Amino acid sequence: MLAAGAFCLLTGFGAHRGRPFGDSRDGLPGGTVPRPLLLSVTGMGILGAAVFLFLQHYG
């Protein structure tokens, strides 16, 4: 959820009369920080969800 929120803040996606997803993704600031940061936050979220589900099922 944090990665999705950061994406929306950086690109304006989801705003009232905002840009469509494709335009928002292309408008994401490049460079050395924003994209890797969003990808790492997304990966940590997916990993956290997987650990939670594993522990919920086997714990």
PDB file of N, CA and C in Angstrom:
ATOM      1  N   MET A   1       0.823  -1.183   0.000  1.00  0.00           N
ATOM      2  CA  MET A   1       0.000   0.000   0.000  1.00  0.00           C
ATOM      3  C   MET A   1       0.873   1.255   0.000  1.00  0.00           C
ATOM      4  N   LEU A   2       1.989   1.167   0.690  1.00  0.00           N
ATOM      5  CA  LEU A   2       2.897   2.312   0.737  1.00  0.00           C
ATOM      6  C   LEU A   2       3.445   2.624  -0.654  1.00  0.00           C
ATOM      7  N   ALA A   3       3.804   1.580  -1.397  1.00  0.00           N
ATOM      8  CA  ALA A   3       4.331   1.786  -2.753  1.00  0.00           C
ATOM      9  C   ALA A   3       3.260   2.376  -3.662  1.00  0.00           C
ATOM     10  N   ALA A   4       2.025   1.913  -3.548  1.00  0.00           N
ATOM     11  CA  ALA A   4       0.948   2.449  -4.364  1.00  0.00           C
ATOM     12  C   ALA A   4       0.693   3.916  -4.025  1.00  0.00           C
ATOM     13  N   GLY A   5       0.726   4.253  -2.749  1.00  0.00           N
ATOM     14  CA  GLY A   5       0.544   5.637  -2.343  1.00  0.00           C
ATOM     15  C   GLY A   5       1.659   6.532  -2.830  1.00  0.00           C
ATOM     16  N   ALA A   6       2.884   6.049  -2.747  1.00  0.00           N
ATOM     17  CA  ALA A   6       4.022   6.833  -3.225  1.00  0.00           C
ATOM     18  C   ALA A   6       3.930   7.029  -4.737  1.00  0.00           C
ATOM     19  N   PHE A   7       3.520   5.993  -5.452  1.00  0.00           N
ATOM     20  CA  PHE A   7       3.360   6.103  -6.903  1.00  0.00           C
ATOM     21  C   PHE A   7       2.320   7.176  -7.242  1.00  0.00           C
ATOM     22  N   CYS A   8       1.195   7.146  -6.520  1.00  0.00           N
ATOM     23  CA  CYS A   8       0.137   8.127  -6.781  1.00  0.00           C
ATOM     24  C   CYS A   8       0.603   9.540  -6.461  1.00  0.00           C
ATOM     25  N   LEU A   9       1.358   9.705  -5.403  1.00  0.00           N
ATOM     26  CA  LEU A   9       1.852  11.033  -5.058  1.00  0.00           C
ATOM     27  C   LEU A   9       2.871  11.545  -6.066  1.00  0.00           C
ATOM     28  N   LEU A  10       3.736  10.660  -6.535  1.00  0.00           N
ATOM     29  CA  LEU A  10       4.777  11.081  -7.474  1.00  0.00           C
ATOM     30  C   LEU A  10       4.239  11.396  -8.862  1.00  0.00           C
ATOM     31  N   THR A  11       3.183  10.697  -9.287  1.00  0.00           N
ATOM     32  CA  THR A  11       2.726  10.826 -10.667  1.00  0.00           C
ATOM     33  C   THR A  11       1.393  11.518 -10.813  1.00  0.00           C
ATOM     34  N   GLY A  12       0.627  11.665  -9.757  1.00  0.00           N
ATOM     35  CA  GLY A  12      -0.696  12.262  -9.864  1.00  0.00           C
ATOM     36  C   GLY A  12      -1.760  11.280 -10.300  1.00  0.00           C
ATOM     37  N   PHE A  13      -1.433   9.989 -10.363  1.00  0.00           N
ATOM     38  CA  PHE A  13      -2.406   8.971 -10.745  1.00  0.00           C
ATOM     39  C   PHE A  13      -3.463   8.859  -9.652  1.00  0.00           C
ATOM     40  N   GLY A  14      -4.704   8.734 -10.042  1.00  0.00           N
ATOM     41  CA  GLY A  14      -5.781   8.570  -9.080  1.00  0.00           C
ATOM     42  C   GLY A  14      -6.400   9.873  -8.614  1.00  0.00           C
ATOM     43  N   ALA A  15      -5.831  10.987  -9.028  1.00  0.00           N
ATOM     44  CA  ALA A  15      -6.399  12.277  -8.656  1.00  0.00           C
ATOM     45  C   ALA A  15      -7.671  12.515  -9.458  1.00  0.00           C
ATOM     46  N   HIS A  16      -8.495  13.394  -8.960  1.00  0.00           N
ATOM     47  CA  HIS A  16      -9.723  13.736  -9.678  1.00  0.00           C
ATOM     48  C   HIS A  16      -9.336  14.275 -11.047  1.00  0.00           C
ATOM     49  N   ARG A  17      -9.818  13.627 -12.083  1.00  0.00           N
ATOM     50  CA  ARG A  17      -9.470  13.970 -13.474  1.00  0.00           C
ATOM     51  C   ARG A  17      -7.962  13.858 -13.709  1.00  0.00           C
ATOM     52  N   GLY A  18      -7.355  12.891 -13.043  1.00  0.00           N
ATOM     53  CA  GLY A  18      -5.918  12.676 -13.194  1.00  0.00           C
ATOM     54  C   GLY A  18      -5.585  11.942 -14.474  1.00  0.00           C
ATOM     55  N   ARG A  19      -4.323  11.691 -14.655  1.00  0.00           N
ATOM     56  CA  ARG A  19      -3.847  11.015 -15.854  1.00  0.00           C
ATOM     57  C   ARG A  19      -4.143   9.525 -15.766  1.00  0.00           C
ATOM     58  N   PRO A  20      -4.269   8.838 -16.910  1.00  0.00           N
ATOM     59  CA  PRO A  20      -4.419   7.380 -16.899  1.00  0.00           C
ATOM     60  C   PRO A  20      -3.126   6.705 -16.432  1.00  0.00           C
ATOM     61  N   PHE A  21      -3.222   5.418 -16.112  1.00  0.00           N
ATOM     62  CA  PHE A  21      -2.089   4.695 -15.531  1.00  0.00           C
ATOM     63  C   PHE A  21      -0.866   4.706 -16.436  1.00  0.00           C
ATOM     64  N   GLY A  22      -1.051   4.446 -17.718  1.00  0.00           N
ATOM     65  CA  GLY A  22       0.096   4.397 -18.636  1.00  0.00           C
ATOM     66  C   GLY A  22       0.858   5.713 -18.689  1.00  0.00           C
ATOM     67  N   ASP A  23       0.118   6.813 -18.766  1.00  0.00           N
ATOM     68  CA  ASP A  23       0.776   8.123 -18.780  1.00  0.00           C
ATOM     69  C   ASP A  23       1.457   8.404 -17.444  1.00  0.00           C
ATOM     70  N   SER A  24       0.818   7.978 -16.356  1.00  0.00           N
ATOM     71  CA  SER A  24       1.408   8.191 -15.037  1.00  0.00           C
ATOM     72  C   SER A  24       2.697   7.403 -14.881  1.00  0.00           C
ATOM     73  N   ARG A  25       2.675   6.147 -15.363  1.00  0.00           N
ATOM     74  CA  ARG A  25       3.876   5.311 -15.258  1.00  0.00           C
ATOM     75  C   ARG A  25       5.011   5.903 -16.073  1.00  0.00           C
ATOM     76  N   ASP A  26       4.694   6.406 -17.263  1.00  0.00           N
ATOM     77  CA  ASP A  26       5.731   7.013 -18.095  1.00  0.00           C
ATOM     78  C   ASP A  26       6.217   8.328 -17.506  1.00  0.00           C
ATOM     79  N   GLY A  27       5.385   9.006 -16.721  1.00  0.00           N
ATOM     80  CA  GLY A  27       5.763  10.270 -16.123  1.00  0.00           C
ATOM     81  C   GLY A  27       6.487  10.127 -14.798  1.00  0.00           C
ATOM     82  N   LEU A  28       6.676   8.892 -14.351  1.00  0.00           N
ATOM     83  CA  LEU A  28       7.378   8.655 -13.086  1.00  0.00           C
ATOM     84  C   LEU A  28       8.805   9.168 -13.208  1.00  0.00           C
ATOM     85  N   PRO A  29       9.235   9.973 -12.254  1.00  0.00           N
ATOM     86  CA  PRO A  29      10.601  10.490 -12.350  1.00  0.00           C
ATOM     87  C   PRO A  29      11.611   9.343 -12.388  1.00  0.00           C
ATOM     88  N   GLY A  30      12.492   9.407 -13.336  1.00  0.00           N
ATOM     89  CA  GLY A  30      13.524   8.377 -13.445  1.00  0.00           C
ATOM     90  C   GLY A  30      14.635   8.658 -12.457  1.00  0.00           C
ATOM     91  N   GLY A  31      15.812   8.423 -12.873  1.00  0.00           N
ATOM     92  CA  GLY A  31      16.935   8.712 -11.999  1.00  0.00           C
ATOM     93  C   GLY A  31      17.298   7.522 -11.145  1.00  0.00           C
ATOM     94  N   THR A  32      18.111   7.797 -10.164  1.00  0.00           N
ATOM     95  CA  THR A  32      18.683   6.707  -9.380  1.00  0.00           C
ATOM     96  C   THR A  32      17.886   6.385  -8.133  1.00  0.00           C
ATOM     97  N   VAL A  33      16.913   7.225  -7.738  1.00  0.00           N
ATOM     98  CA  VAL A  33      16.232   6.977  -6.465  1.00  0.00           C
ATOM     99  C   VAL A  33      14.776   6.544  -6.601  1.00  0.00           C
ATOM    100  N   PRO A  34      13.889   7.267  -7.288  1.00  0.00           N
ATOM    101  CA  PRO A  34      12.458   6.954  -7.192  1.00  0.00           C
ATOM    102  C   PRO A  34      12.059   5.560  -7.650  1.00  0.00           C
ATOM    103  N   ARG A  35      12.495   5.132  -8.827  1.00  0.00           N
ATOM    104  CA  ARG A  35      12.060   3.814  -9.305  1.00  0.00           C
ATOM    105  C   ARG A  35      12.600   2.678  -8.442  1.00  0.00           C
ATOM    106  N   PRO A  36      13.886   2.625  -8.128  1.00  0.00           N
ATOM    107  CA  PRO A  36      14.354   1.544  -7.255  1.00  0.00           C
ATOM    108  C   PRO A  36      13.704   1.590  -5.870  1.00  0.00           C
ATOM    109  N   LEU A  37      13.445   2.781  -5.372  1.00  0.00           N
ATOM    110  CA  LEU A  37      12.800   2.907  -4.070  1.00  0.00           C
ATOM    111  C   LEU A  37      11.396   2.327  -4.108  1.00  0.00           C
ATOM    112  N   LEU A  38      10.632   2.660  -5.144  1.00  0.00           N
ATOM    113  CA  LEU A  38       9.287   2.105  -5.264  1.00  0.00           C
ATOM    114  C   LEU A  38       9.324   0.588  -5.433  1.00  0.00           C
ATOM    115  N   LEU A  39      10.261   0.100  -6.226  1.00  0.00           N
ATOM    116  CA  LEU A  39      10.362  -1.346  -6.419  1.00  0.00           C
ATOM    117  C   LEU A  39      10.761  -2.061  -5.135  1.00  0.00           C
ATOM    118  N   SER A  40      11.666  -1.481  -4.357  1.00  0.00           N
ATOM    119  CA  SER A  40      12.079  -2.144  -3.117  1.00  0.00           C
ATOM    120  C   SER A  40      10.961  -2.109  -2.086  1.00  0.00           C
ATOM    121  N   VAL A  41      10.206  -1.017  -2.013  1.00  0.00           N
ATOM    122  CA  VAL A  41       9.083  -0.958  -1.081  1.00  0.00           C
ATOM    123  C   VAL A  41       8.010  -1.963  -1.489  1.00  0.00           C
ATOM    124  N   THR A  42       7.762  -2.077  -2.793  1.00  0.00           N
ATOM    125  CA  THR A  42       6.800  -3.063  -3.278  1.00  0.00           C
ATOM    126  C   THR A  42       7.263  -4.477  -2.941  1.00  0.00           C
ATOM    127  N   GLY A  43       8.530  -4.761  -3.163  1.00  0.00           N
ATOM    128  CA  GLY A  43       9.068  -6.085  -2.842  1.00  0.00           C
ATOM    129  C   GLY A  43       8.977  -6.404  -1.361  1.00  0.00           C
ATOM    130  N   MET A  44       9.258  -5.423  -0.523  1.00  0.00           N
ATOM    131  CA  MET A  44       9.153  -5.666   0.921  1.00  0.00           C
ATOM    132  C   MET A  44       7.699  -5.911   1.313  1.00  0.00           C
ATOM    133  N   GLY A  45       6.773  -5.227   0.674  1.00  0.00           N
ATOM    134  CA  GLY A  45       5.356  -5.454   0.962  1.00  0.00           C
ATOM    135  C   GLY A  45       4.912  -6.846   0.561  1.00  0.00           C
ATOM    136  N   ILE A  46       5.351  -7.293  -0.596  1.00  0.00           N
ATOM    137  CA  ILE A  46       5.006  -8.636  -1.052  1.00  0.00           C
ATOM    138  C   ILE A  46       5.636  -9.684  -0.150  1.00  0.00           C
ATOM    139  N   LEU A  47       6.886  -9.486   0.222  1.00  0.00           N
ATOM    140  CA  LEU A  47       7.555 -10.416   1.129  1.00  0.00           C
ATOM    141  C   LEU A  47       6.869 -10.444   2.492  1.00  0.00           C
ATOM    142  N   GLY A  48       6.502  -9.284   3.008  1.00  0.00           N
ATOM    143  CA  GLY A  48       5.797  -9.229   4.287  1.00  0.00           C
ATOM    144  C   GLY A  48       4.470  -9.949   4.239  1.00  0.00           C
ATOM    145  N   ALA A  49       3.734  -9.778   3.135  1.00  0.00           N
ATOM    146  CA  ALA A  49       2.452 -10.473   2.988  1.00  0.00           C
ATOM    147  C   ALA A  49       2.663 -11.980   2.913  1.00  0.00           C
ATOM    148  N   ALA A  50       3.709 -12.401   2.210  1.00  0.00           N
ATOM    149  CA  ALA A  50       3.992 -13.839   2.104  1.00  0.00           C
ATOM    150  C   ALA A  50       4.357 -14.426   3.462  1.00  0.00           C
ATOM    151  N   VAL A  51       5.178 -13.742   4.233  1.00  0.00           N
ATOM    152  CA  VAL A  51       5.546 -14.216   5.567  1.00  0.00           C
ATOM    153  C   VAL A  51       4.314 -14.273   6.463  1.00  0.00           C
ATOM    154  N   PHE A  52       3.476 -13.247   6.400  1.00  0.00           N
ATOM    155  CA  PHE A  52       2.254 -13.236   7.204  1.00  0.00           C
ATOM    156  C   PHE A  52       1.371 -14.431   6.855  1.00  0.00           C
ATOM    157  N   LEU A  53       1.165 -14.673   5.563  1.00  0.00           N
ATOM    158  CA  LEU A  53       0.318 -15.798   5.160  1.00  0.00           C
ATOM    159  C   LEU A  53       0.926 -17.127   5.565  1.00  0.00           C
ATOM    160  N   PHE A  54       2.255 -17.250   5.460  1.00  0.00           N
ATOM    161  CA  PHE A  54       2.920 -18.487   5.876  1.00  0.00           C
ATOM    162  C   PHE A  54       2.718 -18.741   7.365  1.00  0.00           C
ATOM    163  N   LEU A  55       2.947 -17.692   8.169  1.00  0.00           N
ATOM    164  CA  LEU A  55       2.798 -17.837   9.612  1.00  0.00           C
ATOM    165  C   LEU A  55       1.337 -18.052  10.005  1.00  0.00           C
ATOM    166  N   GLN A  56       0.430 -17.440   9.284  1.00  0.00           N
ATOM    167  CA  GLN A  56      -0.998 -17.617   9.570  1.00  0.00           C
ATOM    168  C   GLN A  56      -1.414 -19.051   9.324  1.00  0.00           C
ATOM    169  N   HIS A  57      -0.863 -19.638   8.261  1.00  0.00           N
ATOM    170  CA  HIS A  57      -1.259 -21.010   7.901  1.00  0.00           C
ATOM    171  C   HIS A  57      -0.544 -22.067   8.747  1.00  0.00           C
ATOM    172  N   TYR A  58       0.746 -21.876   8.996  1.00  0.00           N
ATOM    173  CA  TYR A  58       1.541 -22.896   9.697  1.00  0.00           C
ATOM    174  C   TYR A  58       1.838 -22.545  11.150  1.00  0.00           C
ATOM    175  N   GLY A  59       1.490 -21.352  11.570  1.00  0.00           N
ATOM    176  CA  GLY A  59       1.866 -20.909  12.908  1.00  0.00           C
ATOM    177  C   GLY A  59       0.926 -21.229  13.969  1.00  0.00           C
TER     178      GLY A  59
END
